[in-house]
N, C-alpha and C. Protein backbone atom coordinates (compact mmCIF):
# COMPACT_ATOMS: atom_id res chain seq x y z
N MET A 1 42.04 43.34 14.03
CA MET A 1 42.52 42.20 14.92
C MET A 1 41.65 42.65 16.47
N SER A 2 40.99 41.37 17.00
CA SER A 2 40.21 41.83 18.17
C SER A 2 41.08 42.36 19.07
N PRO A 3 40.80 43.04 20.30
CA PRO A 3 42.02 42.76 21.95
C PRO A 3 41.61 41.68 22.36
N VAL A 4 42.96 41.56 22.91
CA VAL A 4 43.16 40.53 24.35
C VAL A 4 42.15 40.58 25.11
N VAL A 5 41.60 38.90 25.38
CA VAL A 5 40.13 39.11 26.57
C VAL A 5 41.24 38.49 27.94
N ARG A 6 40.78 38.71 28.74
CA ARG A 6 42.11 37.70 29.73
C ARG A 6 41.28 36.36 30.01
N LYS A 7 40.28 35.85 29.61
CA LYS A 7 39.48 34.66 29.55
C LYS A 7 40.84 33.94 28.32
N ASP A 8 40.99 34.55 27.05
CA ASP A 8 42.00 34.02 26.28
C ASP A 8 43.15 34.14 26.88
N LEU A 9 44.21 35.02 27.57
CA LEU A 9 45.36 34.74 27.61
C LEU A 9 45.12 33.66 29.06
N LEU A 10 44.09 33.46 29.31
CA LEU A 10 44.39 32.45 30.68
C LEU A 10 44.33 30.85 29.98
N GLN A 11 43.27 30.75 28.72
CA GLN A 11 43.39 29.34 27.78
C GLN A 11 44.50 29.38 27.23
N ALA A 12 45.36 30.29 27.02
CA ALA A 12 46.75 30.33 26.27
C ALA A 12 47.29 29.56 27.27
N GLN A 13 47.85 30.31 28.51
CA GLN A 13 48.08 30.24 29.67
C GLN A 13 48.04 28.61 29.78
N ARG A 14 47.17 28.25 29.78
CA ARG A 14 46.76 26.76 30.25
C ARG A 14 47.54 25.79 28.91
N SER A 15 47.08 26.00 27.75
CA SER A 15 47.90 25.61 26.62
C SER A 15 49.54 25.25 26.81
N LEU A 16 49.63 26.68 26.54
CA LEU A 16 51.56 26.24 27.20
C LEU A 16 52.33 25.13 28.19
N LEU A 17 51.26 25.49 29.48
CA LEU A 17 51.38 24.48 30.31
C LEU A 17 51.50 22.86 29.91
N GLN A 18 50.63 23.04 29.37
CA GLN A 18 49.96 21.39 29.18
C GLN A 18 51.38 21.01 28.24
N VAL A 19 51.72 21.76 26.98
CA VAL A 19 52.39 21.32 25.64
C VAL A 19 53.65 21.12 26.79
N MET A 20 54.10 22.26 27.05
CA MET A 20 55.61 21.95 28.27
C MET A 20 55.40 20.83 29.04
N GLU A 21 54.37 20.41 29.62
CA GLU A 21 54.25 19.39 30.40
C GLU A 21 54.53 18.26 29.80
N ALA A 22 54.16 17.95 28.85
CA ALA A 22 54.05 16.90 27.53
C ALA A 22 55.47 16.60 26.99
N TYR A 23 56.52 18.09 26.92
CA TYR A 23 57.35 17.90 26.41
C TYR A 23 58.55 17.48 27.20
N ALA A 24 58.51 17.70 28.63
CA ALA A 24 59.32 17.13 29.74
C ALA A 24 59.10 15.78 30.14
N THR A 25 57.98 15.47 29.86
CA THR A 25 57.74 14.18 30.34
C THR A 25 58.10 13.20 29.39
N GLU A 26 57.82 13.89 27.97
CA GLU A 26 58.60 13.04 27.34
C GLU A 26 60.30 12.77 27.24
N LEU A 27 60.60 13.98 27.63
CA LEU A 27 62.05 13.63 27.89
C LEU A 27 62.12 12.50 29.33
N ALA A 28 61.52 13.17 29.92
CA ALA A 28 62.12 12.16 31.45
C ALA A 28 61.87 10.44 31.00
N VAL A 29 60.63 10.26 29.82
CA VAL A 29 60.72 9.11 29.22
C VAL A 29 61.85 8.16 28.93
N ARG A 30 62.07 9.25 27.66
CA ARG A 30 63.43 8.96 27.37
C ARG A 30 64.81 9.00 27.83
N ARG A 31 64.96 9.21 29.27
CA ARG A 31 65.56 9.72 30.30
C ARG A 31 67.08 10.83 30.06
N LEU A 32 66.37 11.45 28.62
CA LEU A 32 67.11 12.78 28.19
C LEU A 32 66.65 13.98 29.56
N PRO A 33 67.98 14.70 29.82
CA PRO A 33 67.93 15.82 30.75
C PRO A 33 67.00 16.94 30.44
N ILE A 34 66.11 17.37 31.39
CA ILE A 34 65.46 18.73 30.75
C ILE A 34 66.74 19.69 31.22
N PRO A 35 66.02 21.05 30.03
CA PRO A 35 66.79 21.97 29.97
C PRO A 35 66.27 22.92 31.48
N TYR A 36 67.54 23.80 31.85
CA TYR A 36 67.36 24.49 33.00
C TYR A 36 66.02 25.45 32.31
N ARG A 37 66.21 26.24 31.56
CA ARG A 37 64.95 26.80 30.85
C ARG A 37 63.57 26.17 30.93
N LEU A 38 63.65 25.02 30.58
CA LEU A 38 62.35 24.23 30.32
C LEU A 38 61.88 23.72 32.10
N ARG A 39 62.66 23.69 32.47
CA ARG A 39 62.51 23.15 33.80
C ARG A 39 61.81 24.43 35.02
N ASP A 40 62.71 25.72 34.58
CA ASP A 40 62.29 26.87 35.30
C ASP A 40 61.17 27.84 34.76
N GLY A 41 60.79 27.45 33.63
CA GLY A 41 59.95 27.98 33.04
C GLY A 41 58.48 27.03 33.21
N LEU A 42 58.45 25.83 33.24
CA LEU A 42 57.66 24.66 33.90
C LEU A 42 57.01 25.14 35.59
N ARG A 43 58.14 26.04 36.40
CA ARG A 43 58.51 26.06 37.65
C ARG A 43 57.47 27.43 37.29
N LEU A 44 57.38 28.05 37.00
CA LEU A 44 57.08 29.29 36.40
C LEU A 44 55.56 29.04 36.52
N GLN A 45 55.16 28.55 35.54
CA GLN A 45 53.80 28.30 34.77
C GLN A 45 52.83 27.52 35.80
N ARG A 46 53.36 26.99 36.61
CA ARG A 46 52.79 25.66 37.64
C ARG A 46 52.48 26.86 38.77
N GLU A 47 53.17 27.61 39.42
CA GLU A 47 52.79 28.94 40.43
C GLU A 47 51.62 29.98 39.69
N PHE A 48 51.82 30.00 38.53
CA PHE A 48 50.66 31.40 37.75
C PHE A 48 49.58 30.15 38.00
N GLY A 49 49.65 28.77 37.44
CA GLY A 49 48.23 28.37 37.07
C GLY A 49 47.51 27.84 38.80
N ARG A 50 48.64 28.33 40.00
CA ARG A 50 47.94 27.91 41.28
C ARG A 50 47.08 29.15 41.79
N ARG A 51 47.91 30.13 42.02
CA ARG A 51 47.86 31.79 42.65
C ARG A 51 46.46 32.28 42.01
N PRO A 52 45.44 32.21 42.68
CA PRO A 52 43.91 33.01 42.22
C PRO A 52 44.59 34.29 42.17
N THR A 53 44.32 35.03 41.03
CA THR A 53 44.35 36.87 40.48
C THR A 53 43.46 37.21 41.55
N ARG A 54 44.10 38.45 41.35
CA ARG A 54 43.61 39.23 42.24
C ARG A 54 42.36 40.46 41.40
N PRO A 55 41.14 40.56 41.88
CA PRO A 55 40.65 41.67 40.85
C PRO A 55 41.21 43.01 40.85
N ARG A 56 41.50 43.56 39.95
CA ARG A 56 41.80 44.82 39.88
C ARG A 56 41.13 45.92 40.23
N ARG A 57 41.90 46.88 40.83
CA ARG A 57 41.37 48.26 41.45
C ARG A 57 40.93 49.18 40.51
N PRO A 58 39.93 49.78 40.27
CA PRO A 58 39.64 50.60 39.78
C PRO A 58 40.48 52.28 39.67
C-alpha cells in the first residue's frame, strides 16, 4: 500500500463534499428533513474547503 499524499486527501475531501451536497439537495427536493449530522458535516466540510492551508513548519 502506498503512502497517503496530501493531493489525494484534498481530492477525497472534495469528492466527499460533492456527495454530501448532492444528498442534501435530493433531500431538499423531496422536502425531507436534513439530518443534523449531515447538516453539521456539510458545514465543517465547507469550512475546510474555504480555508487556505498553512504550510507546515520544519
